[in-house]
N, C-alpha and C. Protein backbone atom coordinates (compact mmCIF):
# COMPACT_ATOMS: atom_id res chain seq x y z
N MET A 1 135.42 29.97 103.27
CA MET A 1 134.32 30.17 104.18
C MET A 1 133.30 29.05 103.98
N GLU A 2 132.78 28.53 105.05
CA GLU A 2 131.77 27.47 104.97
C GLU A 2 130.41 28.07 104.62
N ILE A 3 129.58 27.26 104.02
CA ILE A 3 128.28 27.72 103.54
C ILE A 3 127.45 28.31 104.68
N ALA A 4 127.36 27.63 105.79
CA ALA A 4 126.54 28.11 106.91
C ALA A 4 127.07 29.45 107.44
N ALA A 5 128.39 29.59 107.48
CA ALA A 5 128.97 30.85 107.96
C ALA A 5 128.66 31.98 106.99
N PHE A 6 128.70 31.70 105.70
CA PHE A 6 128.36 32.72 104.70
C PHE A 6 126.89 33.11 104.82
N GLN A 7 126.03 32.12 104.98
CA GLN A 7 124.61 32.41 105.11
C GLN A 7 124.35 33.27 106.35
N GLN A 8 125.03 32.98 107.45
CA GLN A 8 124.88 33.78 108.67
C GLN A 8 125.43 35.19 108.46
N LEU A 9 126.55 35.31 107.77
CA LEU A 9 127.13 36.64 107.49
C LEU A 9 126.14 37.49 106.71
N MET A 10 125.51 36.90 105.70
CA MET A 10 124.53 37.65 104.90
C MET A 10 123.35 38.10 105.77
N ASP A 11 122.93 37.23 106.70
CA ASP A 11 121.84 37.62 107.60
C ASP A 11 122.29 38.73 108.54
N ASP A 12 123.51 38.63 109.04
CA ASP A 12 124.03 39.67 109.93
C ASP A 12 124.14 41.02 109.21
N LEU A 13 124.60 40.99 107.96
CA LEU A 13 124.81 42.22 107.21
C LEU A 13 123.50 42.81 106.67
N TYR A 14 122.62 41.96 106.18
CA TYR A 14 121.48 42.45 105.41
C TYR A 14 120.13 41.92 105.85
N GLY A 15 120.08 41.09 106.88
CA GLY A 15 118.84 40.43 107.27
C GLY A 15 117.62 41.32 107.40
N PRO A 16 117.70 42.40 108.18
CA PRO A 16 116.50 43.25 108.32
C PRO A 16 116.04 43.84 106.99
N GLN A 17 116.98 44.32 106.19
CA GLN A 17 116.63 44.87 104.87
C GLN A 17 116.01 43.80 103.98
N ASP A 18 116.61 42.61 104.01
CA ASP A 18 116.11 41.53 103.17
C ASP A 18 114.69 41.15 103.54
N ARG A 19 114.42 41.03 104.84
CA ARG A 19 113.08 40.66 105.28
C ARG A 19 112.06 41.74 104.94
N GLU A 20 112.48 43.01 105.02
CA GLU A 20 111.59 44.10 104.66
C GLU A 20 111.28 44.07 103.16
N ARG A 21 112.28 43.75 102.35
CA ARG A 21 112.10 43.67 100.89
C ARG A 21 111.13 42.56 100.54
N GLY A 22 111.28 41.41 101.21
CA GLY A 22 110.37 40.29 101.00
C GLY A 22 110.87 39.29 99.98
N ILE A 23 110.22 38.15 99.99
CA ILE A 23 110.64 37.02 99.15
C ILE A 23 110.44 37.30 97.66
N PRO A 24 109.29 37.81 97.21
CA PRO A 24 109.13 38.02 95.77
C PRO A 24 110.19 38.96 95.17
N ALA A 25 110.49 40.04 95.87
CA ALA A 25 111.51 40.97 95.37
C ALA A 25 112.90 40.34 95.42
N THR A 26 113.15 39.52 96.42
CA THR A 26 114.45 38.84 96.51
C THR A 26 114.63 37.87 95.36
N VAL A 27 113.58 37.15 95.02
CA VAL A 27 113.65 36.23 93.87
C VAL A 27 113.93 37.03 92.59
N ALA A 28 113.29 38.18 92.45
CA ALA A 28 113.52 39.02 91.27
C ALA A 28 114.98 39.47 91.20
N TRP A 29 115.54 39.90 92.33
CA TRP A 29 116.94 40.33 92.36
C TRP A 29 117.88 39.15 92.06
N LEU A 30 117.56 37.98 92.59
CA LEU A 30 118.37 36.80 92.32
C LEU A 30 118.37 36.50 90.82
N CYS A 31 117.22 36.58 90.19
CA CYS A 31 117.14 36.34 88.75
C CYS A 31 117.95 37.38 87.97
N GLU A 32 117.89 38.62 88.40
CA GLU A 32 118.68 39.66 87.74
C GLU A 32 120.17 39.36 87.86
N GLU A 33 120.59 38.95 89.06
CA GLU A 33 122.01 38.62 89.25
C GLU A 33 122.43 37.41 88.43
N LEU A 34 121.53 36.43 88.26
CA LEU A 34 121.83 35.29 87.40
C LEU A 34 122.05 35.75 85.96
N GLY A 35 121.25 36.70 85.52
CA GLY A 35 121.43 37.26 84.18
C GLY A 35 122.77 37.96 84.04
N GLU A 36 123.16 38.70 85.07
CA GLU A 36 124.46 39.37 85.04
C GLU A 36 125.60 38.35 85.03
N LEU A 37 125.42 37.25 85.76
CA LEU A 37 126.43 36.19 85.74
C LEU A 37 126.53 35.57 84.35
N ALA A 38 125.39 35.31 83.74
CA ALA A 38 125.39 34.73 82.39
C ALA A 38 126.13 35.64 81.42
N GLN A 39 125.91 36.94 81.52
CA GLN A 39 126.60 37.88 80.65
C GLN A 39 128.11 37.89 80.94
N ALA A 40 128.48 37.83 82.22
CA ALA A 40 129.90 37.82 82.57
C ALA A 40 130.57 36.54 82.07
N VAL A 41 129.86 35.44 82.10
CA VAL A 41 130.42 34.18 81.60
C VAL A 41 130.68 34.30 80.09
N ARG A 42 129.74 34.91 79.38
CA ARG A 42 129.87 35.03 77.93
C ARG A 42 130.90 36.07 77.51
N LYS A 43 130.91 37.22 78.20
CA LYS A 43 131.69 38.35 77.69
C LYS A 43 132.68 38.94 78.69
N GLY A 44 132.66 38.48 79.93
CA GLY A 44 133.48 39.11 80.95
C GLY A 44 134.81 38.40 81.17
N ASP A 45 135.59 38.97 82.06
CA ASP A 45 136.84 38.35 82.45
C ASP A 45 136.64 37.64 83.80
N ASP A 46 137.69 37.02 84.29
CA ASP A 46 137.56 36.26 85.53
C ASP A 46 137.15 37.13 86.72
N ALA A 47 137.62 38.37 86.77
CA ALA A 47 137.24 39.25 87.88
C ALA A 47 135.75 39.54 87.86
N GLU A 48 135.19 39.78 86.69
CA GLU A 48 133.75 40.03 86.58
C GLU A 48 132.95 38.78 86.93
N ARG A 49 133.42 37.63 86.47
CA ARG A 49 132.74 36.37 86.76
C ARG A 49 132.73 36.10 88.26
N LEU A 50 133.86 36.32 88.90
CA LEU A 50 133.96 36.10 90.34
C LEU A 50 133.02 37.05 91.10
N HIS A 51 132.98 38.30 90.67
CA HIS A 51 132.09 39.29 91.29
C HIS A 51 130.64 38.84 91.18
N GLU A 52 130.23 38.42 90.00
CA GLU A 52 128.84 38.02 89.78
C GLU A 52 128.51 36.71 90.50
N LEU A 53 129.45 35.79 90.58
CA LEU A 53 129.22 34.58 91.36
C LEU A 53 128.95 34.93 92.82
N GLY A 54 129.70 35.86 93.35
CA GLY A 54 129.50 36.31 94.72
C GLY A 54 128.13 36.93 94.92
N ASP A 55 127.69 37.74 93.94
CA ASP A 55 126.37 38.36 94.04
C ASP A 55 125.27 37.30 94.03
N VAL A 56 125.40 36.30 93.17
CA VAL A 56 124.40 35.23 93.12
C VAL A 56 124.36 34.48 94.45
N LEU A 57 125.53 34.17 95.00
CA LEU A 57 125.57 33.49 96.30
C LEU A 57 124.91 34.32 97.39
N ALA A 58 125.17 35.62 97.38
CA ALA A 58 124.60 36.49 98.40
C ALA A 58 123.08 36.52 98.31
N TRP A 59 122.54 36.66 97.11
CA TRP A 59 121.09 36.70 96.96
C TRP A 59 120.47 35.34 97.26
N LEU A 60 121.15 34.27 96.91
CA LEU A 60 120.65 32.94 97.24
C LEU A 60 120.61 32.74 98.76
N ALA A 61 121.64 33.21 99.44
CA ALA A 61 121.66 33.14 100.91
C ALA A 61 120.53 33.98 101.50
N SER A 62 120.28 35.15 100.94
CA SER A 62 119.19 35.99 101.40
C SER A 62 117.86 35.26 101.27
N LEU A 63 117.64 34.63 100.13
CA LEU A 63 116.40 33.90 99.92
C LEU A 63 116.26 32.74 100.91
N ALA A 64 117.34 31.98 101.08
CA ALA A 64 117.31 30.87 102.03
C ALA A 64 117.00 31.37 103.44
N ASN A 65 117.61 32.47 103.83
CA ASN A 65 117.36 33.02 105.17
C ASN A 65 115.89 33.41 105.34
N GLN A 66 115.32 34.04 104.32
CA GLN A 66 113.93 34.45 104.42
C GLN A 66 112.98 33.26 104.45
N LEU A 67 113.39 32.17 103.79
CA LEU A 67 112.58 30.96 103.80
C LEU A 67 112.81 30.11 105.05
N GLY A 68 113.82 30.48 105.85
CA GLY A 68 114.15 29.72 107.05
C GLY A 68 114.79 28.38 106.73
N LEU A 69 115.52 28.33 105.61
CA LEU A 69 116.15 27.08 105.17
C LEU A 69 117.66 27.22 105.17
N SER A 70 118.33 26.08 105.24
CA SER A 70 119.78 26.03 105.29
C SER A 70 120.35 25.64 103.93
N LEU A 71 121.22 26.50 103.39
CA LEU A 71 121.90 26.15 102.15
C LEU A 71 122.80 24.94 102.34
N GLU A 72 123.37 24.82 103.53
CA GLU A 72 124.21 23.66 103.82
C GLU A 72 123.41 22.37 103.72
N GLU A 73 122.21 22.37 104.28
CA GLU A 73 121.36 21.19 104.18
C GLU A 73 120.98 20.91 102.73
N ALA A 74 120.71 21.97 101.98
CA ALA A 74 120.37 21.79 100.56
C ALA A 74 121.54 21.17 99.80
N ALA A 75 122.76 21.60 100.12
CA ALA A 75 123.94 21.09 99.44
C ALA A 75 124.23 19.63 99.79
N LEU A 76 123.83 19.22 100.99
CA LEU A 76 124.09 17.84 101.41
C LEU A 76 123.41 16.82 100.50
N ARG A 77 122.36 17.22 99.84
CA ARG A 77 121.69 16.33 98.90
C ARG A 77 122.69 15.80 97.85
N TYR A 78 123.59 16.64 97.42
CA TYR A 78 124.55 16.24 96.39
C TYR A 78 125.64 15.33 96.93
N ARG A 79 125.83 15.35 98.24
CA ARG A 79 126.74 14.40 98.86
C ARG A 79 126.05 13.07 99.14
N ASP A 80 124.84 13.17 99.66
CA ASP A 80 124.15 11.98 100.15
C ASP A 80 123.34 11.23 99.10
N ASP A 81 122.74 11.95 98.17
CA ASP A 81 121.87 11.31 97.18
C ASP A 81 121.85 12.15 95.90
N PRO A 82 122.99 12.21 95.19
CA PRO A 82 123.04 13.08 94.02
C PRO A 82 122.10 12.62 92.91
N PRO A 83 121.49 13.58 92.22
CA PRO A 83 120.63 13.20 91.09
C PRO A 83 121.46 12.51 90.01
N ARG A 84 120.87 11.56 89.37
CA ARG A 84 121.58 10.83 88.32
C ARG A 84 120.89 11.00 86.99
């Protein structure tokens, strides 16, 4: 799945709920999911890691949608002018 399509899917599935929750709460949930990913990396198996990676992507897409920004555009930085 392409990044833009995933971001749109998250908006289609959860957009109204996400906007009602708001940006500060979304950032908090994203941080919680990052913590769960860190734990899965340290102690989990591949299925748990994959699950948590998906959760992080979903919350990141939610945040981008609420900010009105494109994850695809953000990713292009690494193609066009990667940090060195």
